[in-house]
Structure formats: C-alpha cells, structure tokens
N, C-alpha and C. Protein backbone atom coordinates (compact mmCIF):
# COMPACT_ATOMS: atom_id res chain seq x y z
N MET A 1 66.66 -89.99 -2.68
CA MET A 1 66.00 -89.37 -3.33
C MET A 1 65.64 -87.61 -2.50
N ALA A 2 66.07 -86.62 -2.76
CA ALA A 2 65.55 -85.58 -1.86
C ALA A 2 64.21 -85.29 -1.36
N GLU A 3 63.92 -84.76 -0.71
CA GLU A 3 62.32 -84.08 -0.17
C GLU A 3 62.36 -83.19 -0.73
N ALA A 4 60.73 -83.31 -1.20
CA ALA A 4 60.33 -81.43 -1.07
C ALA A 4 60.29 -80.77 -0.78
N ILE A 5 61.01 -79.47 -1.04
CA ILE A 5 60.61 -78.48 -0.02
C ILE A 5 59.29 -77.87 0.04
N TYR A 6 58.91 -77.54 1.46
CA TYR A 6 57.74 -77.38 1.67
C TYR A 6 57.59 -76.15 1.71
N TYR A 7 56.46 -75.02 1.09
CA TYR A 7 56.59 -73.54 1.36
C TYR A 7 54.84 -73.08 1.12
N PRO A 8 54.81 -72.44 2.13
CA PRO A 8 53.32 -72.79 2.41
C PRO A 8 52.47 -71.63 1.32
N GLU A 9 51.07 -72.65 1.28
CA GLU A 9 50.50 -71.93 0.15
C GLU A 9 49.24 -70.63 0.88
N LYS A 10 49.04 -70.51 2.05
CA LYS A 10 48.20 -69.56 2.06
C LYS A 10 49.13 -68.35 2.69
N GLU A 11 48.82 -67.40 2.13
CA GLU A 11 49.25 -66.35 2.28
C GLU A 11 49.89 -65.60 3.97
N GLY A 12 48.31 -65.89 4.46
CA GLY A 12 48.85 -65.76 6.33
C GLY A 12 49.64 -66.80 6.98
N ASP A 13 50.21 -67.15 6.05
CA ASP A 13 51.64 -68.78 6.96
C ASP A 13 52.90 -67.96 6.37
N VAL A 14 53.14 -67.22 5.40
CA VAL A 14 54.37 -67.01 4.93
C VAL A 14 54.58 -66.19 5.89
N ALA A 15 54.34 -65.69 6.84
CA ALA A 15 55.48 -64.89 7.93
C ALA A 15 55.49 -65.67 8.89
N PRO A 16 54.74 -66.80 9.26
CA PRO A 16 55.05 -67.10 10.43
C PRO A 16 56.17 -68.81 10.19
N TYR A 17 55.84 -68.91 8.92
CA TYR A 17 56.96 -69.60 8.06
C TYR A 17 58.48 -69.17 8.08
N THR A 18 58.34 -68.07 7.79
CA THR A 18 59.88 -67.38 7.60
C THR A 18 60.40 -66.83 8.91
N SER A 19 59.42 -66.76 9.51
CA SER A 19 59.99 -66.17 11.13
C SER A 19 60.68 -67.28 11.58
N ASN A 20 60.17 -68.23 11.27
CA ASN A 20 60.68 -69.87 12.47
C ASN A 20 62.07 -69.54 11.81
N LEU A 21 62.41 -69.94 10.00
CA LEU A 21 63.49 -69.94 9.87
C LEU A 21 64.40 -69.20 10.44
N VAL A 22 64.31 -67.70 10.63
CA VAL A 22 64.80 -66.83 11.63
C VAL A 22 65.33 -67.66 12.99
N VAL A 23 64.45 -67.95 13.39
CA VAL A 23 64.53 -67.78 14.77
C VAL A 23 65.60 -69.30 14.72
N LYS A 24 64.81 -70.28 14.29
CA LYS A 24 65.59 -71.93 14.06
C LYS A 24 67.16 -71.65 13.38
N LEU A 25 67.18 -70.79 12.65
CA LEU A 25 69.35 -70.80 12.19
C LEU A 25 69.63 -69.91 13.02
N THR A 26 69.35 -68.61 13.64
CA THR A 26 69.65 -68.13 14.34
C THR A 26 69.92 -68.30 15.65
N ASP A 27 69.73 -69.01 16.00
CA ASP A 27 69.46 -70.06 17.81
C ASP A 27 70.71 -70.07 18.07
N ASN A 28 71.20 -70.00 19.20
CA ASN A 28 72.52 -71.10 20.03
C ASN A 28 73.49 -70.30 18.85
N GLY A 29 73.71 -68.36 18.54
CA GLY A 29 74.83 -67.92 18.18
C GLY A 29 74.46 -67.88 16.92
N ASN A 30 73.50 -68.34 15.97
CA ASN A 30 73.46 -68.48 14.83
C ASN A 30 74.50 -69.67 14.63
N GLN A 31 74.03 -71.05 15.49
CA GLN A 31 74.68 -72.01 15.47
C GLN A 31 74.36 -72.48 13.87
N LEU A 32 73.14 -73.25 13.57
CA LEU A 32 72.46 -73.68 12.60
C LEU A 32 73.26 -72.93 11.30
N ALA A 33 73.12 -71.54 10.89
CA ALA A 33 73.26 -70.87 9.89
C ALA A 33 74.68 -71.39 9.86
N ASN A 34 75.47 -71.06 10.88
CA ASN A 34 76.76 -71.31 10.52
C ASN A 34 77.59 -72.50 9.75
N LEU A 35 76.59 -73.60 10.67
CA LEU A 35 76.48 -75.00 10.27
C LEU A 35 76.23 -75.06 8.90
N LEU A 36 75.45 -74.68 8.26
CA LEU A 36 74.67 -74.42 6.77
C LEU A 36 75.23 -73.66 5.69
N GLY A 37 76.41 -72.72 6.54
CA GLY A 37 76.88 -71.49 5.42
C GLY A 37 76.25 -70.18 5.16
N ILE A 38 75.36 -69.99 6.23
CA ILE A 38 74.25 -69.65 5.38
C ILE A 38 74.75 -67.51 6.05
N THR A 39 74.72 -67.05 4.82
CA THR A 39 75.37 -65.40 5.44
C THR A 39 74.69 -64.85 5.85
N PRO A 40 75.24 -63.35 7.24
CA PRO A 40 74.37 -62.82 7.40
C PRO A 40 73.53 -61.75 6.57
N ALA A 41 73.92 -61.95 5.34
CA ALA A 41 72.94 -60.94 4.45
C ALA A 41 71.61 -61.87 3.90
N GLU A 42 71.57 -63.05 3.91
CA GLU A 42 70.70 -63.77 3.62
C GLU A 42 69.49 -64.13 4.73
N ILE A 43 70.18 -64.17 5.93
CA ILE A 43 69.21 -64.11 7.18
C ILE A 43 68.47 -63.08 7.53
N THR A 44 69.40 -61.24 7.03
CA THR A 44 68.42 -60.18 6.93
C THR A 44 67.27 -60.01 5.91
N THR A 45 67.56 -60.97 4.54
CA THR A 45 66.68 -61.10 3.90
C THR A 45 64.58 -62.05 4.61
N LEU A 46 65.21 -63.09 5.11
CA LEU A 46 64.71 -63.71 5.65
C LEU A 46 63.66 -62.91 6.44
N GLN A 47 64.57 -62.05 7.02
CA GLN A 47 63.98 -61.11 8.58
C GLN A 47 62.80 -60.02 7.88
N GLN A 48 63.78 -59.74 6.66
CA GLN A 48 62.97 -58.43 5.95
C GLN A 48 61.18 -58.92 5.17
N ILE A 49 61.23 -60.41 4.69
CA ILE A 49 60.37 -60.92 4.64
C ILE A 49 59.58 -61.23 5.73
N ALA A 50 60.22 -61.59 6.62
CA ALA A 50 58.83 -62.09 7.77
C ALA A 50 58.75 -61.16 8.06
N SER A 51 58.44 -59.81 8.34
CA SER A 51 58.16 -58.62 8.75
C SER A 51 57.64 -57.60 7.87
N GLY A 52 57.98 -58.04 6.78
CA GLY A 52 57.03 -57.31 5.51
C GLY A 52 55.96 -57.66 5.27
N ILE A 53 55.66 -59.17 4.84
CA ILE A 53 54.83 -59.65 4.65
C ILE A 53 53.18 -59.23 5.14
N PRO A 54 53.39 -59.13 6.51
CA PRO A 54 51.82 -58.78 7.01
C PRO A 54 51.55 -57.22 6.98
N ALA A 55 52.64 -56.38 6.99
CA ALA A 55 52.31 -55.01 6.20
C ALA A 55 51.80 -54.98 5.08
N LYS A 56 52.20 -55.90 3.84
CA LYS A 56 51.65 -55.60 2.84
C LYS A 56 50.17 -56.46 2.74
N ILE A 57 50.04 -57.63 3.53
CA ILE A 57 48.69 -58.32 3.52
C ILE A 57 47.81 -56.97 4.04
N ASN A 58 48.61 -56.25 4.86
CA ASN A 58 47.31 -55.76 5.55
C ASN A 58 46.62 -54.66 5.20
N ALA A 59 47.92 -53.82 4.45
CA ALA A 59 47.31 -53.06 3.35
C ALA A 59 46.67 -53.30 2.35
N ALA A 60 47.04 -54.15 1.56
CA ALA A 60 46.24 -54.84 0.90
C ALA A 60 44.56 -55.51 1.30
N LYS A 61 44.75 -55.91 2.30
CA LYS A 61 43.64 -56.15 2.72
C LYS A 61 42.40 -54.17 2.97
N ALA A 62 43.25 -53.45 3.66
CA ALA A 62 42.34 -52.24 3.90
C ALA A 62 41.94 -51.75 2.19
N ALA A 63 43.14 -51.90 1.35
CA ALA A 63 42.71 -51.58 0.06
C ALA A 63 41.20 -52.18 -0.24
N GLU A 64 41.30 -53.56 -0.69
CA GLU A 64 40.33 -54.36 -0.64
C GLU A 64 39.28 -53.84 -0.32
N ASP A 65 39.00 -53.58 1.17
CA ASP A 65 37.85 -53.13 2.08
C ASP A 65 37.36 -51.82 1.90
N THR A 66 38.72 -50.97 1.19
CA THR A 66 37.97 -50.02 0.92
C THR A 66 37.57 -49.55 -1.06
N ALA A 67 38.00 -50.60 -1.33
CA ALA A 67 37.55 -50.84 -2.67
C ALA A 67 36.09 -51.22 -2.61
N LYS A 68 35.65 -52.32 -2.26
CA LYS A 68 34.13 -52.21 -1.73
C LYS A 68 33.64 -51.50 -1.47
N GLY A 69 34.14 -50.67 -0.32
CA GLY A 69 33.12 -49.84 0.26
C GLY A 69 32.73 -48.54 -0.86
N LEU A 70 34.05 -48.72 -1.65
CA LEU A 70 33.60 -47.52 -2.81
C LEU A 70 32.62 -48.22 -3.61
N THR A 71 32.71 -49.22 -4.17
CA THR A 71 31.88 -49.95 -4.92
C THR A 71 30.35 -49.76 -4.68
N ALA A 72 30.09 -49.94 -3.42
CA ALA A 72 28.74 -49.96 -2.61
C ALA A 72 28.64 -48.88 -2.86
N ASP A 73 29.58 -47.45 -2.49
CA ASP A 73 28.74 -46.41 -2.76
C ASP A 73 28.60 -45.87 -3.96
N LYS A 74 29.48 -46.35 -4.86
CA LYS A 74 29.15 -46.10 -6.25
C LYS A 74 27.87 -46.61 -6.66
N GLN A 75 27.32 -47.68 -5.95
CA GLN A 75 25.84 -48.42 -6.28
C GLN A 75 25.19 -47.71 -5.75
N VAL A 76 24.92 -47.18 -4.59
CA VAL A 76 23.90 -46.29 -3.88
C VAL A 76 23.64 -44.91 -4.84
N THR A 77 24.93 -44.47 -4.96
CA THR A 77 24.70 -43.25 -5.89
C THR A 77 24.39 -43.78 -7.09
N LEU A 78 24.42 -44.35 -7.82
CA LEU A 78 23.63 -44.53 -8.97
C LEU A 78 21.87 -44.73 -8.83
N VAL A 79 21.80 -45.60 -7.91
CA VAL A 79 20.62 -46.14 -7.99
C VAL A 79 20.13 -45.08 -7.56
N ASP A 80 20.17 -44.10 -6.38
CA ASP A 80 19.73 -42.61 -6.14
C ASP A 80 19.34 -41.99 -7.13
N ALA A 81 20.64 -41.88 -7.76
CA ALA A 81 20.74 -40.50 -9.58
C ALA A 81 19.02 -41.33 -10.34
N ARG A 82 19.53 -42.76 -10.44
CA ARG A 82 18.07 -43.02 -11.09
C ARG A 82 17.12 -42.52 -11.08
N SER A 83 16.73 -42.74 -9.52
CA SER A 83 15.60 -42.58 -9.02
C SER A 83 15.19 -41.09 -8.90
N THR A 84 16.00 -40.26 -8.18
CA THR A 84 15.73 -39.08 -8.51
C THR A 84 15.93 -38.48 -9.82
N THR A 85 16.59 -38.81 -10.44
CA THR A 85 15.90 -38.05 -11.90
C THR A 85 14.72 -38.37 -12.82
N ILE A 86 14.30 -39.65 -12.09
CA ILE A 86 13.38 -40.52 -12.72
C ILE A 86 12.47 -38.93 -12.36
N ASN A 87 12.34 -39.34 -11.03
CA ASN A 87 10.91 -38.72 -10.20
C ASN A 87 11.01 -37.10 -10.89
N MET A 88 11.91 -36.49 -11.08
CA MET A 88 11.65 -35.40 -11.53
C MET A 88 11.35 -35.15 -12.92
N LEU A 89 12.12 -35.93 -13.46
CA LEU A 89 11.00 -36.04 -15.37
C LEU A 89 9.81 -36.21 -14.86
N GLN A 90 9.25 -37.66 -14.10
CA GLN A 90 7.92 -37.83 -14.57
C GLN A 90 6.97 -36.69 -13.64
N ILE A 91 7.82 -36.08 -12.72
CA ILE A 91 6.67 -34.64 -12.64
C ILE A 91 6.43 -34.09 -13.69
N TRP A 92 7.56 -33.34 -14.25
CA TRP A 92 7.61 -32.43 -15.43
C TRP A 92 6.90 -32.67 -16.53
N SER A 93 6.81 -33.79 -16.47
CA SER A 93 6.03 -34.47 -18.03
C SER A 93 4.97 -34.17 -17.68
N ARG A 94 4.18 -34.05 -16.19
CA ARG A 94 2.35 -33.90 -16.02
C ARG A 94 2.41 -32.37 -16.66
N ASN A 95 3.66 -31.73 -16.78
CA ASN A 95 2.83 -29.93 -16.92
C ASN A 95 2.48 -30.11 -18.34
N ALA A 96 1.42 -29.47 -18.68
CA ALA A 96 0.48 -29.32 -19.70
C ALA A 96 1.80 -28.80 -20.90
N ASN A 97 2.48 -27.90 -20.29
CA ASN A 97 3.44 -27.83 -21.35
C ASN A 97 4.46 -28.78 -22.03
N TRP A 98 4.35 -29.97 -21.70
CA TRP A 98 5.49 -30.52 -21.48
C TRP A 98 4.90 -31.26 -22.88
N ASN A 99 5.86 -31.95 -23.85
CA ASN A 99 5.20 -32.74 -24.88
C ASN A 99 6.02 -33.59 -25.56
N TYR A 100 5.71 -34.55 -26.74
CA TYR A 100 7.39 -35.34 -27.26
C TYR A 100 8.23 -34.53 -27.51
N GLN A 101 8.41 -33.45 -28.17
CA GLN A 101 9.63 -32.46 -28.64
C GLN A 101 10.55 -32.12 -27.20
N ILE A 102 9.28 -31.73 -26.52
CA ILE A 102 10.55 -31.28 -25.88
C ILE A 102 10.79 -32.42 -24.81
N GLY A 103 10.77 -33.44 -24.56
CA GLY A 103 11.37 -34.93 -24.10
C GLY A 103 12.07 -35.26 -24.90
N ARG A 104 12.38 -35.00 -26.24
CA ARG A 104 13.17 -35.36 -27.63
C ARG A 104 14.34 -34.52 -27.00
N GLY A 105 13.85 -33.31 -27.17
CA GLY A 105 14.94 -31.71 -27.05
C GLY A 105 16.16 -32.23 -25.68
N LEU A 106 15.52 -32.96 -24.46
CA LEU A 106 15.98 -33.31 -23.32
C LEU A 106 16.88 -34.09 -23.07
N GLY A 107 16.88 -35.26 -24.46
CA GLY A 107 17.54 -36.32 -24.76
C GLY A 107 16.41 -37.39 -23.94
N VAL A 108 15.28 -37.45 -22.74
CA VAL A 108 14.87 -38.43 -22.32
C VAL A 108 13.45 -38.98 -23.20
N TYR A 109 13.70 -38.72 -24.24
CA TYR A 109 12.78 -39.65 -25.47
C TYR A 109 13.83 -40.14 -26.23
N ILE A 110 13.41 -41.67 -26.45
CA ILE A 110 14.55 -41.65 -28.00
C ILE A 110 13.58 -42.02 -29.06
N GLU A 111 14.32 -42.00 -30.24
CA GLU A 111 13.40 -42.66 -31.24
C GLU A 111 13.25 -43.79 -31.36
N ARG A 112 11.87 -44.07 -31.20
CA ARG A 112 11.71 -45.60 -31.79
C ARG A 112 11.12 -46.02 -32.83
N THR A 113 10.90 -47.17 -33.23
CA THR A 113 9.84 -47.94 -34.33
C THR A 113 8.53 -46.81 -34.00
N PRO A 114 7.46 -46.99 -34.83
CA PRO A 114 6.10 -46.59 -34.76
C PRO A 114 5.57 -47.58 -33.63
N VAL A 115 4.33 -47.29 -33.04
CA VAL A 115 3.57 -47.98 -32.22
C VAL A 115 2.99 -48.68 -32.91
N ASP A 116 2.38 -49.78 -32.45
CA ASP A 116 1.74 -50.90 -33.05
C ASP A 116 0.73 -50.49 -32.05
N LEU A 117 -0.46 -49.88 -33.39
CA LEU A 117 -1.67 -50.01 -32.01
C LEU A 117 -2.72 -50.36 -31.96
N SER A 118 -2.35 -52.08 -32.57
CA SER A 118 -3.06 -53.39 -32.27
C SER A 118 -2.22 -53.93 -31.19
N THR A 119 -0.94 -53.34 -30.59
CA THR A 119 -0.49 -54.22 -29.55
C THR A 119 0.07 -53.55 -28.28
N VAL A 120 -0.61 -51.87 -28.47
CA VAL A 120 0.58 -51.52 -27.50
C VAL A 120 -0.17 -51.66 -26.36
N LYS A 121 -0.15 -51.30 -25.23
CA LYS A 121 -0.42 -51.86 -23.98
C LYS A 121 -0.18 -50.25 -22.73
N PRO A 122 -1.27 -50.34 -22.24
CA PRO A 122 -0.82 -48.80 -21.44
C PRO A 122 0.06 -50.14 -20.06
N ARG A 123 0.83 -49.48 -19.25
CA ARG A 123 1.48 -49.62 -17.98
C ARG A 123 0.84 -48.67 -16.82
N ILE A 124 0.13 -49.16 -15.72
CA ILE A 124 -0.22 -48.30 -14.52
C ILE A 124 0.78 -48.37 -14.03
N THR A 125 1.13 -47.61 -12.81
CA THR A 125 2.67 -47.66 -12.41
C THR A 125 2.20 -47.42 -10.76
N ASP A 126 1.45 -47.03 -10.39
CA ASP A 126 0.69 -46.36 -8.69
C ASP A 126 -1.06 -46.53 -8.51
N VAL A 127 -0.83 -47.24 -7.87
CA VAL A 127 -2.67 -47.06 -7.68
C VAL A 127 -2.82 -46.11 -5.67
N ASP A 128 -3.24 -45.23 -5.39
CA ASP A 128 -2.81 -44.25 -3.86
C ASP A 128 -4.25 -44.79 -3.78
N VAL A 129 -4.89 -44.92 -2.35
CA VAL A 129 -5.67 -44.54 -2.01
C VAL A 129 -5.92 -43.91 -1.51
N HIS A 130 -7.21 -42.78 -1.47
CA HIS A 130 -7.26 -41.40 -0.17
C HIS A 130 -8.34 -41.67 0.08
N PRO A 131 -8.45 -40.65 1.17
CA PRO A 131 -10.15 -40.59 2.13
C PRO A 131 -11.39 -40.50 0.90
N ASP A 132 -10.65 -39.66 0.02
CA ASP A 132 -12.14 -39.18 -0.94
C ASP A 132 -11.62 -39.47 -2.36
N MET A 133 -10.72 -40.07 -2.72
CA MET A 133 -10.72 -40.39 -3.82
C MET A 133 -9.77 -41.68 -4.16
N VAL A 134 -9.86 -41.57 -5.54
CA VAL A 134 -8.32 -43.32 -6.22
C VAL A 134 -7.56 -42.43 -6.74
N ILE A 135 -6.17 -42.65 -6.63
CA ILE A 135 -5.40 -42.06 -7.98
C ILE A 135 -4.39 -42.77 -8.69
N VAL A 136 -5.13 -42.85 -9.94
CA VAL A 136 -3.93 -44.08 -10.60
C VAL A 136 -3.16 -43.53 -11.29
N GLU A 137 -1.64 -44.30 -10.86
CA GLU A 137 -0.84 -43.70 -12.18
C GLU A 137 -0.37 -44.31 -13.28
N TRP A 138 -0.36 -43.51 -14.69
CA TRP A 138 -0.31 -44.62 -15.97
C TRP A 138 0.68 -43.45 -16.46
N VAL A 139 1.50 -44.69 -17.33
CA VAL A 139 2.42 -43.66 -18.54
C VAL A 139 1.70 -43.40 -19.73
N ARG A 140 1.88 -42.43 -20.23
CA ARG A 140 1.19 -41.58 -21.05
C ARG A 140 2.17 -42.33 -22.62
N GLY A 141 3.26 -42.26 -22.98
CA GLY A 141 4.50 -42.08 -24.09
C GLY A 141 3.66 -41.59 -24.99
N ARG A 142 3.43 -41.90 -25.67
CA ARG A 142 3.27 -41.36 -27.25
C ARG A 142 1.76 -41.33 -27.40
N MET A 143 1.19 -42.03 -26.75
CA MET A 143 -0.08 -41.53 -26.93
C MET A 143 -0.88 -40.84 -26.47
N ASP A 144 -2.59 -40.72 -26.79
CA ASP A 144 -3.44 -39.09 -26.32
C ASP A 144 -3.77 -39.35 -25.17
N GLY A 145 -4.44 -40.60 -24.81
CA GLY A 145 -4.62 -41.09 -23.05
C GLY A 145 -5.37 -41.89 -23.04
N VAL A 146 -6.16 -42.16 -22.33
CA VAL A 146 -6.48 -43.63 -21.78
C VAL A 146 -7.89 -43.45 -21.65
N ALA A 147 -8.81 -44.78 -22.13
CA ALA A 147 -9.74 -44.41 -21.44
C ALA A 147 -10.25 -45.85 -19.87
N VAL A 148 -10.89 -45.29 -19.09
CA VAL A 148 -10.45 -45.76 -17.85
C VAL A 148 -11.50 -47.04 -17.74
N TYR A 149 -10.83 -48.40 -17.09
CA TYR A 149 -12.43 -49.58 -17.17
C TYR A 149 -12.74 -49.91 -15.74
N GLY A 150 -13.75 -49.39 -15.16
CA GLY A 150 -13.86 -50.40 -13.82
C GLY A 150 -14.75 -51.16 -13.31
N SER A 151 -15.10 -52.00 -12.31
CA SER A 151 -15.44 -52.89 -11.83
C SER A 151 -15.53 -53.30 -10.86
N LEU A 152 -16.41 -54.05 -9.89
CA LEU A 152 -16.44 -54.45 -8.48
C LEU A 152 -16.25 -55.45 -8.36
N ASP A 153 -16.27 -56.78 -9.38
CA ASP A 153 -16.01 -58.08 -9.35
C ASP A 153 -15.26 -58.29 -9.37
N GLY A 154 -14.47 -57.67 -10.90
CA GLY A 154 -13.34 -58.11 -11.32
C GLY A 154 -13.91 -58.95 -12.69
N LEU A 155 -14.84 -58.94 -13.09
CA LEU A 155 -14.53 -59.57 -14.23
C LEU A 155 -16.00 -58.50 -15.19
N VAL A 156 -16.83 -58.52 -14.92
CA VAL A 156 -17.77 -57.01 -15.68
C VAL A 156 -17.25 -55.79 -15.10
N PHE A 157 -16.82 -55.44 -16.53
CA PHE A 157 -15.62 -53.95 -16.55
C PHE A 157 -16.78 -52.83 -17.39
N HIS A 158 -16.99 -51.53 -16.92
CA HIS A 158 -17.50 -50.63 -17.60
C HIS A 158 -16.56 -49.53 -17.89
N LEU A 159 -16.70 -49.00 -18.67
CA LEU A 159 -16.17 -47.66 -19.04
C LEU A 159 -16.83 -46.46 -18.01
N ILE A 160 -15.36 -46.17 -17.17
CA ILE A 160 -16.06 -44.99 -15.99
C ILE A 160 -15.16 -43.83 -16.85
N GLY A 161 -14.64 -43.56 -17.38
CA GLY A 161 -14.06 -42.28 -18.10
C GLY A 161 -12.85 -42.48 -18.91
N LYS A 162 -12.66 -41.34 -19.20
CA LYS A 162 -11.04 -40.85 -20.45
C LYS A 162 -10.47 -40.03 -19.83
N ASP A 163 -9.31 -40.44 -19.35
CA ASP A 163 -8.06 -39.66 -19.00
C ASP A 163 -6.93 -39.22 -20.21
N LEU A 164 -6.91 -37.95 -20.37
CA LEU A 164 -5.91 -37.03 -21.25
C LEU A 164 -4.50 -37.41 -20.70
N LYS A 165 -4.35 -37.00 -19.13
CA LYS A 165 -3.33 -36.56 -19.13
C LYS A 165 -3.11 -37.01 -17.12
N SER A 166 -1.91 -38.25 -16.88
CA SER A 166 -2.08 -39.06 -15.94
C SER A 166 -1.83 -38.16 -14.54
N PRO A 167 -2.34 -38.45 -13.05
CA PRO A 167 -3.18 -39.39 -12.72
C PRO A 167 -4.48 -39.55 -13.14
N TRP A 168 -5.51 -40.43 -13.82
CA TRP A 168 -6.88 -40.83 -13.33
C TRP A 168 -7.12 -40.43 -11.83
N GLU A 169 -8.08 -39.54 -11.55
CA GLU A 169 -8.61 -39.57 -9.81
C GLU A 169 -10.02 -40.22 -10.21
N ASP A 170 -10.20 -41.07 -9.26
CA ASP A 170 -11.70 -41.16 -9.48
C ASP A 170 -12.13 -41.20 -8.17
N LYS A 171 -13.64 -40.44 -7.80
CA LYS A 171 -14.07 -39.58 -6.95
C LYS A 171 -15.15 -40.40 -6.57
N THR A 172 -15.65 -41.65 -7.53
CA THR A 172 -16.84 -41.93 -6.93
C THR A 172 -17.23 -42.32 -5.87
N PRO A 173 -18.09 -42.08 -5.01
CA PRO A 173 -18.47 -42.43 -3.67
C PRO A 173 -18.42 -43.78 -3.41
N ASN A 174 -18.67 -44.78 -2.84
CA ASN A 174 -19.18 -46.67 -3.04
C ASN A 174 -20.66 -46.48 -2.82
N GLN A 175 -20.97 -47.95 -3.68
CA GLN A 175 -22.77 -47.76 -3.53
C GLN A 175 -23.05 -48.47 -2.64
N GLY A 176 -22.34 -49.10 -1.03
CA GLY A 176 -23.34 -49.22 0.39
C GLY A 176 -21.76 -48.54 1.19
N PRO A 177 -22.58 -48.86 2.39
CA PRO A 177 -21.71 -48.07 3.68
C PRO A 177 -20.08 -48.91 3.92
N ASN A 178 -19.97 -50.12 3.31
CA ASN A 178 -18.99 -50.72 3.65
C ASN A 178 -17.82 -50.21 2.78
N ALA A 179 -16.56 -50.87 2.54
CA ALA A 179 -15.50 -50.88 1.85
C ALA A 179 -15.62 -52.04 0.94
N GLU A 180 -15.05 -50.94 -0.22
CA GLU A 180 -15.45 -51.95 -1.37
C GLU A 180 -14.11 -51.70 -2.32
N THR A 181 -13.78 -53.28 -3.13
CA THR A 181 -12.65 -53.69 -3.62
C THR A 181 -13.36 -53.59 -5.24
N ARG A 182 -12.80 -52.03 -5.64
CA ARG A 182 -12.41 -51.62 -7.48
C ARG A 182 -11.51 -52.25 -7.68
N HIS A 183 -11.45 -52.61 -9.34
CA HIS A 183 -10.85 -53.30 -9.81
C HIS A 183 -10.64 -52.08 -10.89
N TYR A 184 -9.03 -51.70 -11.64
CA TYR A 184 -9.20 -50.96 -12.61
C TYR A 184 -8.18 -51.53 -13.86
N LYS A 185 -8.78 -51.39 -15.20
CA LYS A 185 -7.74 -51.34 -16.20
C LYS A 185 -7.83 -50.18 -17.11
N LEU A 186 -6.89 -50.12 -18.15
CA LEU A 186 -6.74 -48.61 -18.98
C LEU A 186 -6.60 -49.37 -20.49
N ARG A 187 -7.17 -48.28 -21.59
CA ARG A 187 -7.17 -49.02 -22.84
C ARG A 187 -6.30 -47.60 -23.45
N TYR A 188 -5.67 -47.76 -24.08
CA TYR A 188 -5.03 -46.44 -24.93
C TYR A 188 -5.95 -45.63 -25.75
N LEU A 189 -5.98 -44.49 -26.12
CA LEU A 189 -6.52 -43.36 -27.04
C LEU A 189 -5.74 -42.90 -27.88
N LYS A 190 -6.11 -43.18 -29.27
CA LYS A 190 -5.62 -42.41 -29.64
C LYS A 190 -6.46 -41.88 -30.63
N GLY A 191 -6.40 -40.50 -31.09
CA GLY A 191 -7.66 -39.14 -30.59
C GLY A 191 -8.44 -39.85 -30.01
N ASP A 192 -9.79 -40.14 -30.31
CA ASP A 192 -10.97 -40.34 -29.31
C ASP A 192 -11.43 -41.76 -29.35
N VAL A 193 -10.07 -42.67 -30.03
CA VAL A 193 -10.39 -44.13 -30.53
C VAL A 193 -10.32 -44.90 -29.53
N GLU A 194 -10.29 -45.88 -28.97
CA GLU A 194 -9.47 -46.94 -27.87
C GLU A 194 -8.63 -47.88 -29.19
N VAL A 195 -7.50 -48.12 -28.99
CA VAL A 195 -6.31 -48.86 -29.52
C VAL A 195 -5.50 -49.80 -28.44
N GLY A 196 -5.51 -51.03 -29.19
CA GLY A 196 -4.00 -51.68 -27.97
C GLY A 196 -4.75 -52.98 -27.30
N LEU A 197 -4.18 -53.38 -26.59
CA LEU A 197 -4.62 -54.19 -25.43
C LEU A 197 -5.05 -53.47 -24.29
N PHE A 198 -5.63 -53.82 -22.97
CA PHE A 198 -5.92 -53.53 -22.01
C PHE A 198 -4.55 -53.82 -20.83
N SER A 199 -4.02 -52.73 -20.04
CA SER A 199 -3.58 -53.02 -18.94
C SER A 199 -3.53 -54.18 -17.94
N ASP A 200 -2.63 -54.44 -17.55
CA ASP A 200 -2.99 -55.20 -16.38
C ASP A 200 -3.84 -54.50 -15.06
N ILE A 201 -4.84 -55.43 -14.76
CA ILE A 201 -6.09 -54.91 -13.85
C ILE A 201 -5.21 -55.03 -12.59
N VAL A 202 -5.59 -53.58 -11.47
CA VAL A 202 -5.55 -53.44 -10.37
C VAL A 202 -6.36 -53.00 -9.89
N THR A 203 -5.93 -53.13 -8.25
CA THR A 203 -7.46 -53.20 -7.34
C THR A 203 -6.86 -52.23 -6.25
N ALA A 204 -8.07 -51.66 -5.64
CA ALA A 204 -8.00 -50.82 -4.88
C ALA A 204 -9.24 -51.20 -3.67
N LEU A 205 -8.65 -50.98 -2.38
CA LEU A 205 -9.76 -51.50 -1.02
C LEU A 205 -10.25 -49.84 -1.21
N VAL A 206 -11.44 -49.50 -1.45
CA VAL A 206 -11.96 -48.30 -0.86
C VAL A 206 -13.08 -48.14 -0.38
N ASN A 207 -13.32 -47.00 0.13
CA ASN A 207 -14.23 -46.26 1.27
C ASN A 207 -14.32 -45.00 1.10
N ILE A 208 -14.90 -44.34 -0.01
CA ILE A 208 -15.78 -43.25 -0.19
C ILE A 208 -16.58 -43.01 0.33
N PRO A 209 -17.40 -42.16 1.21
CA PRO A 209 -18.43 -42.26 1.69
C PRO A 209 -19.18 -41.13 0.37
N ARG A 210 -20.43 -41.56 0.79
CA ARG A 210 -21.40 -40.69 0.18
C ARG A 210 -21.63 -39.42 0.62
C-alpha cells in the first residue's frame, strides 16, 4: 500500500517544506534528483515556489493589516461624522427661527406616524450643573414644549415651570446652606395642555447660594 503524500496545511510551512525538497534533491550534485529522473525545470519550479510563497504571504498580510486599518479609520470617520453633524443640527434647531418645516426641508426630519398624545414621552438628553443654575436639555420633537416638575426627595413632585424651547434653566437657590439633590421630570405640552407620559427622572447635586 502506497504511503499518503504529506503536504503542509499551514501556509507558513509551505516555503520550508519546498525549500527542504530543493536542498535534499540537489545535494551531492543533484544525486537524488538524478536518481529519480527529476529535471532541472522541475527543480527550478520548486525553487520558485520556495522563494515566491513568503513574498505572497507577506504581501497578503500587509494588505490585511492595511484593510484593517482602513476599516478602523472608516469607523472612526463615520462616528465623528455622526457626532459632528448631529451636534450642529441640535445647535441649529435651538434657533428661534427653526421649525419643523425647515427640518423637513433639510431632510433631518422624516415623515412619521402621528404622535400618540396618550403615550408620547419626553427624553432628557443632558443635565449640566453650574454654580448659578441647572441646565436640563430635552428633545422637543413635534411637541410645543414641556412642563417641568421638581422634587427634593424624588417622591413628591411639584410643577416648577414650563419650557417651550430646550434647555430648561433652573436658577432656584438652595433651600438651605448645604448642597441638595434635585430630581426633575418632564411632561410634553400640546398647546398649553400636558399630554402623554412623564420622562424618566434625572437628578443633580446642586449648591446654588441664596
């Protein structure tokens, strides 16, 4: 029964395998090559394989590394583009002249199903605490504004104001000399009527002196 011919599976083993064939076949003045009737052209083919494989592997590895780098760079570019564009649009949308029609014309508002006034829920995007105020950023969408509710214990909330354009600025001084935790939640306005659900509650540690 003839032995099965071994050939390496790992690409990194191919060049050493063929180089070994060349060395062994050409040793002692091509003794083994002559014995087996192997032609010079066949030896040359093996030599080309042995020398060519590493170059191809290295070139492929370099291309793979380049592709990975380009893919990573593409992802960074896409993330930066999204962040930068949305940031600019958010700033522009706070302009007093901005409206839904402008957003639609720019293609940044898409036609959606009518707002369900029973389930619409405000989204608070950021809370910044400053020495003289708390700034609460919120998404207006297609609503007319928000009713702002505040609490010091997170349980009992009171209406503390209405805001028609983000952000809401709370400049209320602390009740006492120490810092206090304030809790905020919002509810959308349609006209001057509160509609929908309350937003998630956000908190801020505040110390606005009297």
